[in-house]
Full PDB file with SEQRES, HELIX, SHEET, SSBOND, CRYST1, ORIGX, SCALE, CONECT and MASTER records, all heavy atoms in Angstrom:
SEQRES   1 A   41  ALA LYS ALA SER TYR GLY ASP PHE ILE LEU GLN GLY GLY          
SEQRES   2 A   41  PHE THR SER ARG LYS LYS LYS VAL PRO THR ALA SER PHE          
SEQRES   3 A   41  GLY THR VAL PHE ASN SER GLY ALA GLU GLY THR LEU ASP          
SEQRES   4 A   41  GLN ARG                                                      
HELIX    1 AA1 SER A   25  GLY A   27  5                                   3    
SHEET    1 AA1 2 LYS A   2  TYR A   5  0                                        
SHEET    2 AA1 2 PHE A   8  GLN A  11 -1                                        
SHEET    1 AA2 2 SER A  16  LYS A  20  0                                        
SHEET    2 AA2 2 GLY A  36  GLN A  40 -1                                        
CRYST1    1.000    1.000    1.000  90.00  90.00  90.00 P 1           1          
ORIGX1      1.000000  0.000000  0.000000        0.00000                         
ORIGX2      0.000000  1.000000  0.000000        0.00000                         
ORIGX3      0.000000  0.000000  1.000000        0.00000                         
SCALE1      1.000000  0.000000  0.000000        0.00000                         
SCALE2      0.000000  1.000000  0.000000        0.00000                         
SCALE3      0.000000  0.000000  1.000000        0.00000                         
ATOM      1  N   ALA A   1     100.244 208.431 132.439  1.00  0.00           N  
ATOM      2  CA  ALA A   1     100.058 207.085 132.998  1.00  0.00           C  
ATOM      3  C   ALA A   1      98.980 207.134 134.075  1.00  0.00           C  
ATOM      4  O   ALA A   1      98.866 208.121 134.814  1.00  0.00           O  
ATOM      5  CB  ALA A   1     101.366 206.556 133.576  1.00  0.00           C  
ATOM      6  N   LYS A   2      98.202 206.057 134.151  1.00  0.00           N  
ATOM      7  CA  LYS A   2      97.128 205.975 135.133  1.00  0.00           C  
ATOM      8  C   LYS A   2      96.967 204.530 135.581  1.00  0.00           C  
ATOM      9  O   LYS A   2      97.033 203.613 134.760  1.00  0.00           O  
ATOM     10  CB  LYS A   2      95.822 206.488 134.524  1.00  0.00           C  
ATOM     11  CG  LYS A   2      94.628 206.454 135.458  1.00  0.00           C  
ATOM     12  CD  LYS A   2      93.391 207.024 134.759  1.00  0.00           C  
ATOM     13  CE  LYS A   2      92.168 206.996 135.669  1.00  0.00           C  
ATOM     14  NZ  LYS A   2      90.971 207.547 134.990  1.00  0.00           N  
ATOM     15  N   ALA A   3      96.768 204.355 136.870  1.00  0.00           N  
ATOM     16  CA  ALA A   3      96.543 203.017 137.427  1.00  0.00           C  
ATOM     17  C   ALA A   3      95.461 203.102 138.493  1.00  0.00           C  
ATOM     18  O   ALA A   3      95.394 204.076 139.246  1.00  0.00           O  
ATOM     19  CB  ALA A   3      97.830 202.452 138.028  1.00  0.00           C  
ATOM     20  N   SER A   4      94.611 202.086 138.539  1.00  0.00           N  
ATOM     21  CA  SER A   4      93.571 202.051 139.566  1.00  0.00           C  
ATOM     22  C   SER A   4      93.517 200.649 140.168  1.00  0.00           C  
ATOM     23  O   SER A   4      93.688 199.639 139.476  1.00  0.00           O  
ATOM     24  CB  SER A   4      92.206 202.424 138.976  1.00  0.00           C  
ATOM     25  OG  SER A   4      91.825 201.509 137.960  1.00  0.00           O  
ATOM     26  N   TYR A   5      93.283 200.626 141.461  1.00  0.00           N  
ATOM     27  CA  TYR A   5      93.161 199.354 142.184  1.00  0.00           C  
ATOM     28  C   TYR A   5      92.252 199.584 143.374  1.00  0.00           C  
ATOM     29  O   TYR A   5      92.552 200.410 144.258  1.00  0.00           O  
ATOM     30  CB  TYR A   5      94.531 198.863 142.657  1.00  0.00           C  
ATOM     31  CG  TYR A   5      94.488 197.520 143.341  1.00  0.00           C  
ATOM     32  CD1 TYR A   5      94.399 196.336 142.604  1.00  0.00           C  
ATOM     33  CD2 TYR A   5      94.509 197.424 144.729  1.00  0.00           C  
ATOM     34  CE1 TYR A   5      94.348 195.106 143.222  1.00  0.00           C  
ATOM     35  CE2 TYR A   5      94.464 196.190 145.366  1.00  0.00           C  
ATOM     36  CZ  TYR A   5      94.374 195.031 144.603  1.00  0.00           C  
ATOM     37  OH  TYR A   5      94.324 193.802 145.230  1.00  0.00           O  
ATOM     38  N   GLY A   6      91.144 198.873 143.397  1.00  0.00           N  
ATOM     39  CA  GLY A   6      90.204 199.051 144.496  1.00  0.00           C  
ATOM     40  C   GLY A   6      89.674 200.475 144.528  1.00  0.00           C  
ATOM     41  O   GLY A   6      89.161 200.993 143.535  1.00  0.00           O  
ATOM     42  N   ASP A   7      89.837 201.141 145.678  1.00  0.00           N  
ATOM     43  CA  ASP A   7      89.349 202.496 145.856  1.00  0.00           C  
ATOM     44  C   ASP A   7      90.386 203.554 145.493  1.00  0.00           C  
ATOM     45  O   ASP A   7      90.145 204.753 145.695  1.00  0.00           O  
ATOM     46  CB  ASP A   7      88.915 202.706 147.318  1.00  0.00           C  
ATOM     47  CG  ASP A   7      87.729 201.835 147.702  1.00  0.00           C  
ATOM     48  OD1 ASP A   7      86.904 201.552 146.810  1.00  0.00           O  
ATOM     49  OD2 ASP A   7      87.627 201.446 148.876  1.00  0.00           O  
ATOM     50  N   PHE A   8      91.536 203.146 144.974  1.00  0.00           N  
ATOM     51  CA  PHE A   8      92.622 204.082 144.705  1.00  0.00           C  
ATOM     52  C   PHE A   8      92.818 204.302 143.200  1.00  0.00           C  
ATOM     53  O   PHE A   8      92.716 203.363 142.408  1.00  0.00           O  
ATOM     54  CB  PHE A   8      93.935 203.567 145.303  1.00  0.00           C  
ATOM     55  CG  PHE A   8      93.958 203.563 146.803  1.00  0.00           C  
ATOM     56  CD1 PHE A   8      93.546 202.456 147.513  1.00  0.00           C  
ATOM     57  CD2 PHE A   8      94.383 204.685 147.497  1.00  0.00           C  
ATOM     58  CE1 PHE A   8      93.564 202.444 148.891  1.00  0.00           C  
ATOM     59  CE2 PHE A   8      94.405 204.686 148.883  1.00  0.00           C  
ATOM     60  CZ  PHE A   8      94.001 203.570 149.589  1.00  0.00           C  
ATOM     61  N   ILE A   9      93.114 205.553 142.840  1.00  0.00           N  
ATOM     62  CA  ILE A   9      93.475 205.909 141.469  1.00  0.00           C  
ATOM     63  C   ILE A   9      94.737 206.764 141.520  1.00  0.00           C  
ATOM     64  O   ILE A   9      94.769 207.798 142.194  1.00  0.00           O  
ATOM     65  CB  ILE A   9      92.354 206.690 140.763  1.00  0.00           C  
ATOM     66  CG1 ILE A   9      91.082 205.858 140.659  1.00  0.00           C  
ATOM     67  CG2 ILE A   9      92.811 207.130 139.361  1.00  0.00           C  
ATOM     68  CD1 ILE A   9      89.910 206.613 140.058  1.00  0.00           C  
ATOM     69  N   LEU A  10      95.762 206.312 140.818  1.00  0.00           N  
ATOM     70  CA  LEU A  10      97.024 207.054 140.741  1.00  0.00           C  
ATOM     71  C   LEU A  10      97.253 207.449 139.286  1.00  0.00           C  
ATOM     72  O   LEU A  10      97.177 206.600 138.390  1.00  0.00           O  
ATOM     73  CB  LEU A  10      98.186 206.196 141.239  1.00  0.00           C  
ATOM     74  CG  LEU A  10      99.587 206.819 141.122  1.00  0.00           C  
ATOM     75  CD1 LEU A  10      99.721 208.024 142.047  1.00  0.00           C  
ATOM     76  CD2 LEU A  10     100.661 205.769 141.430  1.00  0.00           C  
ATOM     77  N   GLN A  11      97.513 208.716 139.050  1.00  0.00           N  
ATOM     78  CA  GLN A  11      97.805 209.157 137.690  1.00  0.00           C  
ATOM     79  C   GLN A  11      98.874 210.240 137.708  1.00  0.00           C  
ATOM     80  O   GLN A  11      99.043 210.963 138.692  1.00  0.00           O  
ATOM     81  CB  GLN A  11      96.552 209.642 136.978  1.00  0.00           C  
ATOM     82  CG  GLN A  11      95.940 210.913 137.523  1.00  0.00           C  
ATOM     83  CD  GLN A  11      94.717 211.328 136.711  1.00  0.00           C  
ATOM     84  OE1 GLN A  11      94.054 210.518 136.095  1.00  0.00           O  
ATOM     85  NE2 GLN A  11      94.414 212.616 136.714  1.00  0.00           N  
ATOM     86  N   GLY A  12      99.598 210.322 136.603  1.00  0.00           N  
ATOM     87  CA  GLY A  12     100.643 211.312 136.479  1.00  0.00           C  
ATOM     88  C   GLY A  12     100.915 211.601 135.019  1.00  0.00           C  
ATOM     89  O   GLY A  12     100.571 210.817 134.130  1.00  0.00           O  
ATOM     90  N   GLY A  13     101.533 212.738 134.775  1.00  0.00           N  
ATOM     91  CA  GLY A  13     101.816 213.107 133.397  1.00  0.00           C  
ATOM     92  C   GLY A  13     102.922 214.131 133.318  1.00  0.00           C  
ATOM     93  O   GLY A  13     103.257 214.808 134.300  1.00  0.00           O  
ATOM     94  N   PHE A  14     103.493 214.239 132.131  1.00  0.00           N  
ATOM     95  CA  PHE A  14     104.512 215.244 131.860  1.00  0.00           C  
ATOM     96  C   PHE A  14     104.376 215.679 130.406  1.00  0.00           C  
ATOM     97  O   PHE A  14     104.192 214.847 129.510  1.00  0.00           O  
ATOM     98  CB  PHE A  14     105.915 214.696 132.102  1.00  0.00           C  
ATOM     99  CG  PHE A  14     107.006 215.682 131.744  1.00  0.00           C  
ATOM    100  CD1 PHE A  14     107.347 216.697 132.624  1.00  0.00           C  
ATOM    101  CD2 PHE A  14     107.665 215.610 130.522  1.00  0.00           C  
ATOM    102  CE1 PHE A  14     108.326 217.627 132.305  1.00  0.00           C  
ATOM    103  CE2 PHE A  14     108.646 216.525 130.183  1.00  0.00           C  
ATOM    104  CZ  PHE A  14     108.989 217.535 131.085  1.00  0.00           C  
ATOM    105  N   THR A  15     104.433 216.984 130.185  1.00  0.00           N  
ATOM    106  CA  THR A  15     104.365 217.506 128.824  1.00  0.00           C  
ATOM    107  C   THR A  15     105.380 218.620 128.657  1.00  0.00           C  
ATOM    108  O   THR A  15     105.658 219.370 129.602  1.00  0.00           O  
ATOM    109  CB  THR A  15     102.942 218.016 128.488  1.00  0.00           C  
ATOM    110  OG1 THR A  15     102.890 218.429 127.130  1.00  0.00           O  
ATOM    111  CG2 THR A  15     102.549 219.175 129.373  1.00  0.00           C  
ATOM    112  N   SER A  16     105.943 218.711 127.460  1.00  0.00           N  
ATOM    113  CA  SER A  16     106.939 219.737 127.156  1.00  0.00           C  
ATOM    114  C   SER A  16     106.646 220.286 125.765  1.00  0.00           C  
ATOM    115  O   SER A  16     106.501 219.517 124.810  1.00  0.00           O  
ATOM    116  CB  SER A  16     108.356 219.150 127.216  1.00  0.00           C  
ATOM    117  OG  SER A  16     109.322 220.128 126.868  1.00  0.00           O  
ATOM    118  N   ARG A  17     106.551 221.606 125.644  1.00  0.00           N  
ATOM    119  CA  ARG A  17     106.230 222.247 124.362  1.00  0.00           C  
ATOM    120  C   ARG A  17     107.209 223.385 124.106  1.00  0.00           C  
ATOM    121  O   ARG A  17     107.358 224.290 124.940  1.00  0.00           O  
ATOM    122  CB  ARG A  17     104.805 222.796 124.363  1.00  0.00           C  
ATOM    123  CG  ARG A  17     104.422 223.520 123.065  1.00  0.00           C  
ATOM    124  CD  ARG A  17     102.967 223.966 123.123  1.00  0.00           C  
ATOM    125  NE  ARG A  17     102.520 224.559 121.864  1.00  0.00           N  
ATOM    126  CZ  ARG A  17     102.331 225.861 121.680  1.00  0.00           C  
ATOM    127  NH1 ARG A  17     102.571 226.709 122.675  1.00  0.00           N  
ATOM    128  NH2 ARG A  17     101.911 226.336 120.517  1.00  0.00           N  
ATOM    129  N   LYS A  18     107.869 223.319 122.968  1.00  0.00           N  
ATOM    130  CA  LYS A  18     108.784 224.368 122.539  1.00  0.00           C  
ATOM    131  C   LYS A  18     108.217 225.020 121.297  1.00  0.00           C  
ATOM    132  O   LYS A  18     107.876 224.347 120.329  1.00  0.00           O  
ATOM    133  CB  LYS A  18     110.171 223.787 122.257  1.00  0.00           C  
ATOM    134  CG  LYS A  18     111.250 224.836 122.056  1.00  0.00           C  
ATOM    135  CD  LYS A  18     112.623 224.188 121.937  1.00  0.00           C  
ATOM    136  CE  LYS A  18     113.716 225.240 121.843  1.00  0.00           C  
ATOM    137  NZ  LYS A  18     115.067 224.618 121.751  1.00  0.00           N  
ATOM    138  N   LYS A  19     108.106 226.350 121.311  1.00  0.00           N  
ATOM    139  CA  LYS A  19     107.451 227.075 120.225  1.00  0.00           C  
ATOM    140  C   LYS A  19     108.244 228.313 119.857  1.00  0.00           C  
ATOM    141  O   LYS A  19     108.559 229.131 120.716  1.00  0.00           O  
ATOM    142  CB  LYS A  19     106.037 227.487 120.644  1.00  0.00           C  
ATOM    143  CG  LYS A  19     105.267 228.279 119.579  1.00  0.00           C  
ATOM    144  CD  LYS A  19     104.848 227.387 118.446  1.00  0.00           C  
ATOM    145  CE  LYS A  19     104.023 228.129 117.398  1.00  0.00           C  
ATOM    146  NZ  LYS A  19     104.820 229.094 116.626  1.00  0.00           N  
ATOM    147  N   LYS A  20     108.585 228.421 118.568  1.00  0.00           N  
ATOM    148  CA  LYS A  20     109.160 229.667 118.082  1.00  0.00           C  
ATOM    149  C   LYS A  20     108.046 230.705 117.927  1.00  0.00           C  
ATOM    150  O   LYS A  20     106.900 230.368 117.620  1.00  0.00           O  
ATOM    151  CB  LYS A  20     109.863 229.462 116.745  1.00  0.00           C  
ATOM    152  CG  LYS A  20     111.252 228.847 116.857  1.00  0.00           C  
ATOM    153  CD  LYS A  20     111.981 228.898 115.523  1.00  0.00           C  
ATOM    154  CE  LYS A  20     113.407 228.368 115.655  1.00  0.00           C  
ATOM    155  NZ  LYS A  20     114.135 228.461 114.364  1.00  0.00           N  
ATOM    156  N   VAL A  21     108.404 231.984 118.119  1.00  0.00           N  
ATOM    157  CA  VAL A  21     107.424 233.071 118.059  1.00  0.00           C  
ATOM    158  C   VAL A  21     107.818 234.026 116.934  1.00  0.00           C  
ATOM    159  O   VAL A  21     108.886 234.634 116.982  1.00  0.00           O  
ATOM    160  CB  VAL A  21     107.360 233.823 119.401  1.00  0.00           C  
ATOM    161  CG1 VAL A  21     106.348 234.957 119.320  1.00  0.00           C  
ATOM    162  CG2 VAL A  21     106.995 232.859 120.527  1.00  0.00           C  
ATOM    163  N   PRO A  22     106.962 234.176 115.901  1.00  0.00           N  
ATOM    164  CA  PRO A  22     107.330 234.991 114.742  1.00  0.00           C  
ATOM    165  C   PRO A  22     106.936 236.460 114.826  1.00  0.00           C  
ATOM    166  O   PRO A  22     107.308 237.248 113.958  1.00  0.00           O  
ATOM    167  CB  PRO A  22     106.566 234.311 113.611  1.00  0.00           C  
ATOM    168  CG  PRO A  22     105.328 233.801 114.273  1.00  0.00           C  
ATOM    169  CD  PRO A  22     105.722 233.414 115.680  1.00  0.00           C  
ATOM    170  N   THR A  23     106.165 236.857 115.860  1.00  0.00           N  
ATOM    171  CA  THR A  23     105.539 238.183 115.855  1.00  0.00           C  
ATOM    172  C   THR A  23     106.423 239.297 116.391  1.00  0.00           C  
ATOM    173  O   THR A  23     106.004 240.449 116.421  1.00  0.00           O  
ATOM    174  CB  THR A  23     104.248 238.142 116.691  1.00  0.00           C  
ATOM    175  OG1 THR A  23     104.554 237.635 118.005  1.00  0.00           O  
ATOM    176  CG2 THR A  23     103.199 237.262 116.037  1.00  0.00           C  
ATOM    177  N   ALA A  24     107.652 238.968 116.853  1.00  0.00           N  
ATOM    178  CA  ALA A  24     108.536 239.978 117.467  1.00  0.00           C  
ATOM    179  C   ALA A  24     107.825 240.678 118.620  1.00  0.00           C  
ATOM    180  O   ALA A  24     107.812 241.910 118.728  1.00  0.00           O  
ATOM    181  CB  ALA A  24     109.033 240.980 116.444  1.00  0.00           C  
ATOM    182  N   SER A  25     107.210 239.878 119.501  1.00  0.00           N  
ATOM    183  CA  SER A  25     106.503 240.440 120.645  1.00  0.00           C  
ATOM    184  C   SER A  25     107.485 241.062 121.631  1.00  0.00           C  
ATOM    185  O   SER A  25     108.680 240.780 121.617  1.00  0.00           O  
ATOM    186  CB  SER A  25     105.686 239.343 121.336  1.00  0.00           C  
ATOM    187  OG  SER A  25     106.502 238.237 121.657  1.00  0.00           O  
ATOM    188  N   PHE A  26     106.967 241.933 122.474  1.00  0.00           N  
ATOM    189  CA  PHE A  26     107.757 242.634 123.505  1.00  0.00           C  
ATOM    190  C   PHE A  26     108.882 243.473 122.904  1.00  0.00           C  
ATOM    191  O   PHE A  26     109.887 243.742 123.562  1.00  0.00           O  
ATOM    192  CB  PHE A  26     108.353 241.639 124.515  1.00  0.00           C  
ATOM    193  CG  PHE A  26     107.348 240.744 125.168  1.00  0.00           C  
ATOM    194  CD1 PHE A  26     107.204 239.425 124.771  1.00  0.00           C  
ATOM    195  CD2 PHE A  26     106.518 241.221 126.179  1.00  0.00           C  
ATOM    196  CE1 PHE A  26     106.268 238.593 125.366  1.00  0.00           C  
ATOM    197  CE2 PHE A  26     105.579 240.391 126.777  1.00  0.00           C  
ATOM    198  CZ  PHE A  26     105.452 239.086 126.370  1.00  0.00           C  
ATOM    199  N   GLY A  27     108.759 243.877 121.637  1.00  0.00           N  
ATOM    200  CA  GLY A  27     109.769 244.725 121.028  1.00  0.00           C  
ATOM    201  C   GLY A  27     111.062 244.022 120.683  1.00  0.00           C  
ATOM    202  O   GLY A  27     112.118 244.658 120.577  1.00  0.00           O  
ATOM    203  N   THR A  28     111.026 242.697 120.463  1.00  0.00           N  
ATOM    204  CA  THR A  28     112.232 241.941 120.139  1.00  0.00           C  
ATOM    205  C   THR A  28     112.623 242.141 118.677  1.00  0.00           C  
ATOM    206  O   THR A  28     111.913 242.767 117.899  1.00  0.00           O  
ATOM    207  CB  THR A  28     112.018 240.445 120.420  1.00  0.00           C  
ATOM    208  OG1 THR A  28     110.856 239.997 119.699  1.00  0.00           O  
ATOM    209  CG2 THR A  28     111.792 240.194 121.904  1.00  0.00           C  
ATOM    210  N   VAL A  29     113.782 241.582 118.311  1.00  0.00           N  
ATOM    211  CA  VAL A  29     114.293 241.703 116.944  1.00  0.00           C  
ATOM    212  C   VAL A  29     113.418 240.877 116.002  1.00  0.00           C  
ATOM    213  O   VAL A  29     113.186 239.687 116.230  1.00  0.00           O  
ATOM    214  CB  VAL A  29     115.757 241.233 116.872  1.00  0.00           C  
ATOM    215  CG1 VAL A  29     116.265 241.264 115.435  1.00  0.00           C  
ATOM    216  CG2 VAL A  29     116.626 242.105 117.767  1.00  0.00           C  
ATOM    217  N   PHE A  30     112.962 241.520 114.943  1.00  0.00           N  
ATOM    218  CA  PHE A  30     112.093 240.841 113.982  1.00  0.00           C  
ATOM    219  C   PHE A  30     112.912 239.939 113.067  1.00  0.00           C  
ATOM    220  O   PHE A  30     114.024 240.254 112.663  1.00  0.00           O  
ATOM    221  CB  PHE A  30     111.334 241.879 113.156  1.00  0.00           C  
ATOM    222  CG  PHE A  30     110.358 241.292 112.183  1.00  0.00           C  
ATOM    223  CD1 PHE A  30     109.141 240.800 112.607  1.00  0.00           C  
ATOM    224  CD2 PHE A  30     110.673 241.214 110.830  1.00  0.00           C  
ATOM    225  CE1 PHE A  30     108.237 240.250 111.717  1.00  0.00           C  
ATOM    226  CE2 PHE A  30     109.780 240.668 109.921  1.00  0.00           C  
ATOM    227  CZ  PHE A  30     108.561 240.183 110.366  1.00  0.00           C  
ATOM    228  N   ASN A  31     112.344 238.781 112.715  1.00  0.00           N  
ATOM    229  CA  ASN A  31     112.930 237.826 111.767  1.00  0.00           C  
ATOM    230  C   ASN A  31     114.285 237.301 112.236  1.00  0.00           C  
ATOM    231  O   ASN A  31     115.148 236.978 111.437  1.00  0.00           O  
ATOM    232  CB  ASN A  31     113.084 238.463 110.375  1.00  0.00           C  
ATOM    233  CG  ASN A  31     113.425 237.431 109.310  1.00  0.00           C  
ATOM    234  OD1 ASN A  31     112.910 236.311 109.317  1.00  0.00           O  
ATOM    235  ND2 ASN A  31     114.320 237.787 108.403  1.00  0.00           N  
ATOM    236  N   SER A  32     114.464 237.172 113.539  1.00  0.00           N  
ATOM    237  CA  SER A  32     115.712 236.602 114.052  1.00  0.00           C  
ATOM    238  C   SER A  32     115.651 235.080 114.090  1.00  0.00           C  
ATOM    239  O   SER A  32     116.683 234.410 114.063  1.00  0.00           O  
ATOM    240  CB  SER A  32     115.992 237.133 115.456  1.00  0.00           C  
ATOM    241  OG  SER A  32     115.037 236.616 116.378  1.00  0.00           O  
ATOM    242  N   GLY A  33     114.441 234.515 114.176  1.00  0.00           N  
ATOM    243  CA  GLY A  33     114.296 233.074 114.338  1.00  0.00           C  
ATOM    244  C   GLY A  33     114.710 232.583 115.705  1.00  0.00           C  
ATOM    245  O   GLY A  33     114.741 231.372 115.951  1.00  0.00           O  
ATOM    246  N   ALA A  34     115.010 233.521 116.620  1.00  0.00           N  
ATOM    247  CA  ALA A  34     115.525 233.133 117.934  1.00  0.00           C  
ATOM    248  C   ALA A  34     114.504 233.296 119.047  1.00  0.00           C  
ATOM    249  O   ALA A  34     114.694 232.771 120.151  1.00  0.00           O  
ATOM    250  CB  ALA A  34     116.777 233.946 118.271  1.00  0.00           C  
ATOM    251  N   GLU A  35     113.402 234.052 118.794  1.00  0.00           N  
ATOM    252  CA  GLU A  35     112.407 234.234 119.849  1.00  0.00           C  
ATOM    253  C   GLU A  35     111.587 232.961 119.998  1.00  0.00           C  
ATOM    254  O   GLU A  35     111.110 232.385 119.016  1.00  0.00           O  
ATOM    255  CB  GLU A  35     111.483 235.409 119.526  1.00  0.00           C  
ATOM    256  CG  GLU A  35     110.473 235.661 120.632  1.00  0.00           C  
ATOM    257  CD  GLU A  35     109.477 236.764 120.311  1.00  0.00           C  
ATOM    258  OE1 GLU A  35     109.596 237.398 119.240  1.00  0.00           O  
ATOM    259  OE2 GLU A  35     108.564 236.974 121.139  1.00  0.00           O  
ATOM    260  N   GLY A  36     111.430 232.514 121.229  1.00  0.00           N  
ATOM    261  CA  GLY A  36     110.657 231.301 121.460  1.00  0.00           C  
ATOM    262  C   GLY A  36     110.422 231.053 122.927  1.00  0.00           C  
ATOM    263  O   GLY A  36     110.988 231.715 123.801  1.00  0.00           O  
ATOM    264  N   THR A  37     109.551 230.091 123.207  1.00  0.00           N  
ATOM    265  CA  THR A  37     109.215 229.737 124.582  1.00  0.00           C  
ATOM    266  C   THR A  37     109.278 228.228 124.764  1.00  0.00           C  
ATOM    267  O   THR A  37     109.048 227.456 123.835  1.00  0.00           O  
ATOM    268  CB  THR A  37     107.802 230.229 124.957  1.00  0.00           C  
ATOM    269  OG1 THR A  37     106.847 229.636 124.061  1.00  0.00           O  
ATOM    270  CG2 THR A  37     107.702 231.736 124.865  1.00  0.00           C  
ATOM    271  N   LEU A  38     109.587 227.836 125.988  1.00  0.00           N  
ATOM    272  CA  LEU A  38     109.555 226.434 126.400  1.00  0.00           C  
ATOM    273  C   LEU A  38     108.661 226.334 127.623  1.00  0.00           C  
ATOM    274  O   LEU A  38     108.895 227.013 128.633  1.00  0.00           O  
ATOM    275  CB  LEU A  38     110.959 225.932 126.727  1.00  0.00           C  
ATOM    276  CG  LEU A  38     111.045 224.539 127.361  1.00  0.00           C  
ATOM    277  CD1 LEU A  38     110.605 223.467 126.362  1.00  0.00           C  
ATOM    278  CD2 LEU A  38     112.452 224.247 127.860  1.00  0.00           C  
ATOM    279  N   ASP A  39     107.614 225.516 127.534  1.00  0.00           N  
ATOM    280  CA  ASP A  39     106.698 225.301 128.656  1.00  0.00           C  
ATOM    281  C   ASP A  39     106.688 223.823 129.012  1.00  0.00           C  
ATOM    282  O   ASP A  39     106.542 222.967 128.131  1.00  0.00           O  
ATOM    283  CB  ASP A  39     105.279 225.742 128.286  1.00  0.00           C  
ATOM    284  CG  ASP A  39     105.156 227.237 128.123  1.00  0.00           C  
ATOM    285  OD1 ASP A  39     105.078 227.931 129.149  1.00  0.00           O  
ATOM    286  OD2 ASP A  39     105.150 227.707 126.975  1.00  0.00           O  
ATOM    287  N   GLN A  40     106.825 223.535 130.301  1.00  0.00           N  
ATOM    288  CA  GLN A  40     106.796 222.153 130.780  1.00  0.00           C  
ATOM    289  C   GLN A  40     105.862 222.058 131.972  1.00  0.00           C  
ATOM    290  O   GLN A  40     105.780 222.971 132.789  1.00  0.00           O  
ATOM    291  CB  GLN A  40     108.191 221.669 131.170  1.00  0.00           C  
ATOM    292  CG  GLN A  40     109.156 221.589 130.011  1.00  0.00           C  
ATOM    293  CD  GLN A  40     110.532 221.110 130.426  1.00  0.00           C  
ATOM    294  OE1 GLN A  40     110.926 221.232 131.592  1.00  0.00           O  
ATOM    295  NE2 GLN A  40     111.276 220.559 129.486  1.00  0.00           N  
ATOM    296  N   ARG A  41     105.195 220.918 132.056  1.00  0.00           N  
ATOM    297  CA  ARG A  41     104.270 220.688 133.173  1.00  0.00           C  
ATOM    298  C   ARG A  41     104.326 219.221 133.553  1.00  0.00           C  
ATOM    299  O   ARG A  41     104.264 218.340 132.694  1.00  0.00           O  
ATOM    300  CB  ARG A  41     102.853 221.061 132.739  1.00  0.00           C  
ATOM    301  CG  ARG A  41     101.745 220.670 133.727  1.00  0.00           C  
ATOM    302  CD  ARG A  41     101.523 221.734 134.773  1.00  0.00           C  
ATOM    303  NE  ARG A  41     100.549 221.301 135.772  1.00  0.00           N  
ATOM    304  CZ  ARG A  41      99.228 221.388 135.639  1.00  0.00           C  
ATOM    305  NH1 ARG A  41      98.718 221.851 134.518  1.00  0.00           N  
ATOM    306  NH2 ARG A  41      98.439 221.004 136.615  1.00  0.00           N  
TER     307      ARG A  41                                                      
MASTER        0    0    0    1    4    0    0    6  306    1    0    4          
END                                                                             
């Protein structure tokens, strides 16, 4: 969202991404379907 009035500009945002990881990184169990990350900003 963004709003401007006169000399002022106000903006803000939120994003959330959830991703499964198939590569068994960091020595995790392969083909578990449970490895994943959640990133929010």
